[in-house]
N, C-alpha and C. Protein backbone atom coordinates (compact mmCIF):
# COMPACT_ATOMS: atom_id res chain seq x y z
N UNK A 1 81.56 124.26 122.64
CA UNK A 1 80.03 124.32 122.98
C UNK A 1 79.47 123.18 123.35
N UNK A 2 78.65 122.79 123.81
CA UNK A 2 77.93 121.70 124.00
C UNK A 2 76.15 121.71 123.99
N UNK A 3 75.43 120.74 123.64
CA UNK A 3 73.69 120.96 123.15
C UNK A 3 73.46 119.25 124.04
N UNK A 4 72.62 119.68 125.25
CA UNK A 4 72.29 118.80 125.26
C UNK A 4 70.57 118.67 125.39
N UNK A 5 69.74 117.55 125.36
CA UNK A 5 68.34 117.32 125.61
C UNK A 5 68.04 116.32 126.82
N UNK A 6 66.49 116.82 127.04
CA UNK A 6 66.48 115.84 128.27
C UNK A 6 67.16 115.98 129.45
N UNK A 7 67.40 117.09 129.77
CA UNK A 7 68.70 117.33 130.83
C UNK A 7 67.85 116.50 132.32
N UNK A 8 66.59 116.77 132.12
CA UNK A 8 65.28 115.53 133.00
C UNK A 8 65.53 116.72 134.63
N UNK A 9 65.93 117.58 134.61
CA UNK A 9 66.29 118.74 135.40
C UNK A 9 65.07 120.18 134.65
N UNK A 10 64.78 120.38 136.11
CA UNK A 10 63.95 121.46 136.32
C UNK A 10 64.27 122.67 136.50
N UNK A 11 65.51 122.73 136.99
CA UNK A 11 66.55 124.12 137.71
C UNK A 11 67.84 123.28 137.35
N UNK A 12 68.90 124.47 136.62
CA UNK A 12 69.86 124.24 137.27
C UNK A 12 71.08 125.27 137.57
N UNK A 13 71.54 125.32 138.18
CA UNK A 13 72.79 126.43 138.75
C UNK A 13 73.96 126.06 138.32
N UNK A 14 74.62 127.58 138.73
CA UNK A 14 76.10 127.82 137.65
C UNK A 14 76.90 126.39 138.03
N UNK A 15 76.99 125.94 139.72
CA UNK A 15 77.55 124.74 140.52
C UNK A 15 77.44 123.48 139.68
N UNK A 16 76.61 122.93 139.09
CA UNK A 16 75.84 122.09 138.38
C UNK A 16 76.65 121.75 137.12
N UNK A 17 76.38 123.02 136.41
CA UNK A 17 77.11 122.84 134.76
C UNK A 17 78.38 122.93 135.37
N UNK A 18 79.24 123.74 136.23
CA UNK A 18 80.56 123.49 136.03
C UNK A 18 81.02 122.08 136.44
N UNK A 19 80.36 121.58 137.28
CA UNK A 19 80.58 119.67 137.44
C UNK A 19 80.58 119.55 136.32
N UNK A 20 79.44 119.51 135.32
CA UNK A 20 79.16 118.47 134.19
C UNK A 20 80.40 119.18 133.44
N UNK A 21 81.09 120.58 132.97
CA UNK A 21 81.27 120.90 132.21
C UNK A 21 83.25 120.41 132.94
N UNK A 22 83.18 120.51 134.03
CA UNK A 22 84.24 120.35 134.64
C UNK A 22 85.54 121.94 134.88
N UNK A 23 85.23 122.81 134.22
CA UNK A 23 85.46 123.89 134.36
C UNK A 23 84.35 125.23 134.54
N UNK A 24 85.00 126.03 135.30
CA UNK A 24 84.03 127.31 135.65
C UNK A 24 84.19 128.51 135.04
N UNK A 25 85.10 128.40 133.55
CA UNK A 25 85.25 129.39 132.63
C UNK A 25 84.22 129.15 131.63
N UNK A 26 83.06 128.92 131.98
CA UNK A 26 81.79 128.75 130.79
C UNK A 26 80.60 129.47 131.33
N UNK A 27 79.74 129.26 130.68
CA UNK A 27 78.53 129.89 130.53
C UNK A 27 77.70 129.18 130.11
N UNK A 28 76.06 129.37 129.89
CA UNK A 28 75.37 128.27 129.46
C UNK A 28 73.53 128.67 129.43
N UNK A 29 72.71 128.34 129.28
CA UNK A 29 71.30 128.98 128.91
C UNK A 29 70.67 127.31 129.22
N UNK A 30 69.68 127.45 130.32
CA UNK A 30 68.64 126.50 130.19
C UNK A 30 66.98 126.49 130.12
N UNK A 31 66.70 125.67 129.18
CA UNK A 31 65.33 126.13 128.43
C UNK A 31 64.09 124.68 129.35
N UNK A 32 63.13 125.33 130.05
CA UNK A 32 62.58 123.98 130.37
C UNK A 32 61.25 123.43 129.33
N UNK A 33 61.74 122.49 129.19
CA UNK A 33 60.14 121.87 128.24
C UNK A 33 58.88 121.10 128.57
N UNK A 34 57.97 121.60 127.56
CA UNK A 34 56.74 120.82 128.23
C UNK A 34 57.19 119.12 128.16
N UNK A 35 55.99 118.50 129.18
CA UNK A 35 56.09 116.98 129.14
C UNK A 35 57.52 116.71 129.96
N UNK A 36 57.37 115.44 129.29
CA UNK A 36 58.85 114.42 130.24
C UNK A 36 60.33 115.06 130.11
N UNK A 37 59.88 115.50 128.81
CA UNK A 37 61.68 115.48 129.07
C UNK A 37 62.69 116.26 129.83
N UNK A 38 62.12 117.62 130.16
CA UNK A 38 62.32 118.25 131.17
C UNK A 38 64.01 118.82 130.62
N UNK A 39 63.91 120.01 129.94
CA UNK A 39 65.34 120.47 129.71
C UNK A 39 65.95 120.44 128.36
N UNK A 40 66.80 121.62 127.97
CA UNK A 40 67.72 121.76 126.90
C UNK A 40 68.62 122.93 127.33
N UNK A 41 69.54 122.29 127.51
CA UNK A 41 71.31 123.15 127.78
C UNK A 41 71.86 123.02 127.18
N UNK A 42 72.47 124.50 126.56
CA UNK A 42 73.83 125.03 125.52
C UNK A 42 74.90 124.81 126.55
N UNK A 43 76.17 125.07 126.59
CA UNK A 43 77.16 125.61 127.02
C UNK A 43 78.59 126.07 126.51
N UNK A 44 79.11 126.74 126.69
CA UNK A 44 80.72 127.64 125.87
C UNK A 44 81.44 127.52 126.75
N UNK A 45 82.47 127.87 126.26
CA UNK A 45 83.73 128.53 126.73
C UNK A 45 83.25 130.23 126.43
N UNK A 46 83.38 130.66 127.53
CA UNK A 46 83.71 132.14 127.40
C UNK A 46 84.87 132.88 126.83
N UNK A 47 85.49 132.02 127.03
CA UNK A 47 86.72 132.06 126.31
C UNK A 47 87.01 132.56 124.86
N UNK A 48 85.79 131.56 124.57
CA UNK A 48 86.02 131.38 122.71
C UNK A 48 84.47 131.91 122.37
N UNK A 49 83.88 131.46 123.28
CA UNK A 49 81.98 132.32 122.94
C UNK A 49 81.64 133.90 123.08
N UNK A 50 81.70 134.47 122.49
CA UNK A 50 81.16 135.57 123.17
C UNK A 50 79.46 135.85 123.00
N UNK A 51 79.09 135.47 124.10
CA UNK A 51 77.54 135.60 124.70
C UNK A 51 77.03 137.09 124.01
N UNK A 52 76.04 136.60 123.27
CA UNK A 52 75.00 138.34 122.95
C UNK A 52 73.61 138.30 123.46
N UNK A 53 73.43 136.71 122.87
CA UNK A 53 71.50 136.69 123.72
C UNK A 53 71.37 135.42 123.13
N UNK A 54 69.89 135.30 123.47
CA UNK A 54 69.48 134.22 123.32
C UNK A 54 68.01 134.11 122.80
N UNK A 55 67.52 133.26 121.85
CA UNK A 55 66.29 133.68 121.36
C UNK A 55 65.07 133.35 122.09
N UNK A 56 64.24 133.86 122.20
CA UNK A 56 63.16 133.71 123.04
C UNK A 56 61.93 132.26 122.84
N UNK A 57 61.95 131.90 121.40
CA UNK A 57 61.71 130.41 121.00
C UNK A 57 62.32 129.03 121.42
N UNK A 58 62.91 129.12 120.78
CA UNK A 58 63.51 128.22 120.13
C UNK A 58 65.04 127.96 120.86
N UNK A 59 65.42 127.03 121.24
CA UNK A 59 66.57 127.56 121.88
C UNK A 59 68.03 127.38 121.06
N UNK A 60 68.65 128.57 121.09
CA UNK A 60 69.78 129.63 120.37
C UNK A 60 70.30 130.44 121.02
N UNK A 61 71.48 130.05 120.93
CA UNK A 61 72.47 130.95 121.55
C UNK A 61 73.07 132.07 120.05
N UNK A 62 72.78 132.89 120.84
CA UNK A 62 74.07 134.16 119.36
C UNK A 62 75.20 134.73 119.64
N UNK A 63 76.04 134.88 118.89
CA UNK A 63 76.90 134.72 119.83
C UNK A 63 78.40 135.29 118.30
N UNK A 64 79.29 136.12 119.08
CA UNK A 64 80.71 136.08 118.18
C UNK A 64 81.88 134.88 118.68
N UNK A 65 82.67 134.17 117.69
CA UNK A 65 83.57 133.67 118.28
C UNK A 65 84.63 134.27 118.38
N UNK A 66 85.33 134.36 119.28
CA UNK A 66 86.11 135.26 120.04
C UNK A 66 87.25 135.55 118.80
N UNK A 67 88.00 134.45 118.83
CA UNK A 67 89.68 134.42 118.20
C UNK A 67 89.32 135.04 116.72
N UNK A 68 87.95 134.28 115.89
CA UNK A 68 88.01 135.12 114.45
C UNK A 68 86.74 135.89 113.90
N UNK A 69 86.31 136.32 115.09
CA UNK A 69 85.06 137.64 115.40
C UNK A 69 83.97 137.14 114.13
N UNK A 70 83.78 136.13 114.26
CA UNK A 70 82.55 135.29 113.47
C UNK A 70 81.24 135.14 114.20
N UNK A 71 80.41 136.03 113.45
CA UNK A 71 78.87 135.60 114.21
C UNK A 71 78.17 134.24 113.79
N UNK A 72 77.55 133.66 115.16
CA UNK A 72 77.32 132.51 115.41
C UNK A 72 76.19 132.64 115.72
N UNK A 73 75.31 131.10 115.18
CA UNK A 73 73.88 130.64 115.57
C UNK A 73 73.78 129.36 115.85
N UNK A 74 73.98 129.28 117.47
CA UNK A 74 73.85 127.78 117.53
C UNK A 74 72.33 127.56 118.13
N UNK A 75 71.90 125.92 117.29
CA UNK A 75 70.54 126.03 117.67
C UNK A 75 70.15 124.55 118.51
N UNK A 76 70.00 124.52 119.38
CA UNK A 76 69.40 122.73 119.97
C UNK A 76 68.09 122.72 119.48
N UNK A 77 68.40 121.80 118.23
CA UNK A 77 66.67 120.98 118.52
C UNK A 77 66.41 120.09 118.76
N UNK A 78 65.58 120.57 119.12
CA UNK A 78 64.48 119.45 119.67
C UNK A 78 63.23 118.81 119.08
N UNK A 79 62.51 118.57 118.68
CA UNK A 79 61.31 118.64 117.93
C UNK A 79 60.47 117.53 118.51
N UNK A 80 59.59 117.95 118.27
CA UNK A 80 58.02 116.82 118.65
C UNK A 80 57.86 115.72 116.96
N UNK A 81 57.17 114.70 117.63
CA UNK A 81 57.50 113.99 116.54
C UNK A 81 55.80 113.98 115.47
N UNK A 82 55.25 115.22 116.02
CA UNK A 82 53.91 115.73 114.83
C UNK A 82 54.60 116.53 114.04
N UNK A 83 54.29 116.52 112.41
CA UNK A 83 54.91 117.37 111.09
C UNK A 83 54.32 118.64 111.50
N UNK A 84 52.90 119.24 112.21
CA UNK A 84 52.92 120.52 112.27
C UNK A 84 53.12 121.19 113.01
N UNK A 85 54.10 120.53 114.09
CA UNK A 85 54.82 121.03 115.08
C UNK A 85 56.38 121.28 114.82
N UNK A 86 56.68 120.07 113.86
CA UNK A 86 57.85 120.31 113.24
C UNK A 86 57.91 121.26 112.65
N UNK A 87 57.18 122.22 111.44
CA UNK A 87 56.99 122.70 110.49
C UNK A 87 57.09 124.36 111.44
N UNK A 88 55.88 124.67 112.57
CA UNK A 88 56.18 125.57 113.30
C UNK A 88 57.38 126.03 113.84
N UNK A 89 58.33 124.79 114.38
CA UNK A 89 59.87 125.01 115.01
C UNK A 89 60.48 125.73 114.03
N UNK A 90 60.67 124.99 112.87
CA UNK A 90 61.60 125.27 111.52
C UNK A 90 61.23 126.76 111.26
N UNK A 91 59.64 127.39 110.84
CA UNK A 91 59.51 128.45 110.79
C UNK A 91 59.94 129.49 111.86
N UNK A 92 60.16 129.01 112.84
CA UNK A 92 60.87 130.02 114.29
C UNK A 92 62.04 129.97 114.42
N UNK A 93 62.81 128.52 113.79
CA UNK A 93 64.38 128.82 113.72
C UNK A 93 64.89 129.41 112.58
N UNK A 94 63.99 129.73 111.58
CA UNK A 94 64.41 131.23 110.73
C UNK A 94 64.50 132.21 110.78
N UNK A 95 63.39 132.49 112.29
CA UNK A 95 63.46 134.07 112.29
C UNK A 95 64.55 134.51 113.42
N UNK A 96 65.39 133.30 114.05
CA UNK A 96 66.49 134.07 115.01
C UNK A 96 67.56 134.58 114.56
N UNK A 97 67.52 135.04 112.91
CA UNK A 97 68.66 136.01 112.38
C UNK A 97 68.32 137.21 112.56
N UNK A 98 67.03 137.44 112.17
CA UNK A 98 66.25 138.45 112.09
C UNK A 98 66.11 139.02 113.73
N UNK A 99 65.81 138.40 114.45
CA UNK A 99 65.59 139.07 115.85
C UNK A 99 66.68 139.35 116.16
N UNK A 100 68.16 139.55 115.53
CA UNK A 100 69.16 139.59 116.24
C UNK A 100 69.95 141.01 115.20
N UNK A 101 68.87 141.15 114.10
CA UNK A 101 69.05 143.09 113.44
C UNK A 101 70.39 142.77 112.97
N UNK A 102 70.87 141.53 112.65
CA UNK A 102 72.11 141.33 112.20
C UNK A 102 72.34 140.43 110.54
N UNK A 103 73.09 140.11 109.85
CA UNK A 103 72.55 139.61 109.09
C UNK A 103 74.27 138.50 109.36
N UNK A 104 73.35 137.26 109.44
CA UNK A 104 74.29 136.14 109.76
C UNK A 104 74.77 134.82 108.39
């Protein structure tokens, strides 16, 4: 799995992600951000990580490690410099497991 911040891209395609990773056995999510940063990307091997869903707010991917059948949440943290915004982001991160209706 790889997490990239500030992709500088408004949109991504499968082809761009395949070239970046060097393989087409991957899946990915891309979240556009506000301001000049433009984009947070999470990519993973489909034969290792079984994607279930991603969170609506912070860039988080929820799924299972295929070999060990272990639940995994990967969060790509990219935070504001302002304390109020950071606190809001962490409040949102702690709700991600509750969104799945599973214990992690």
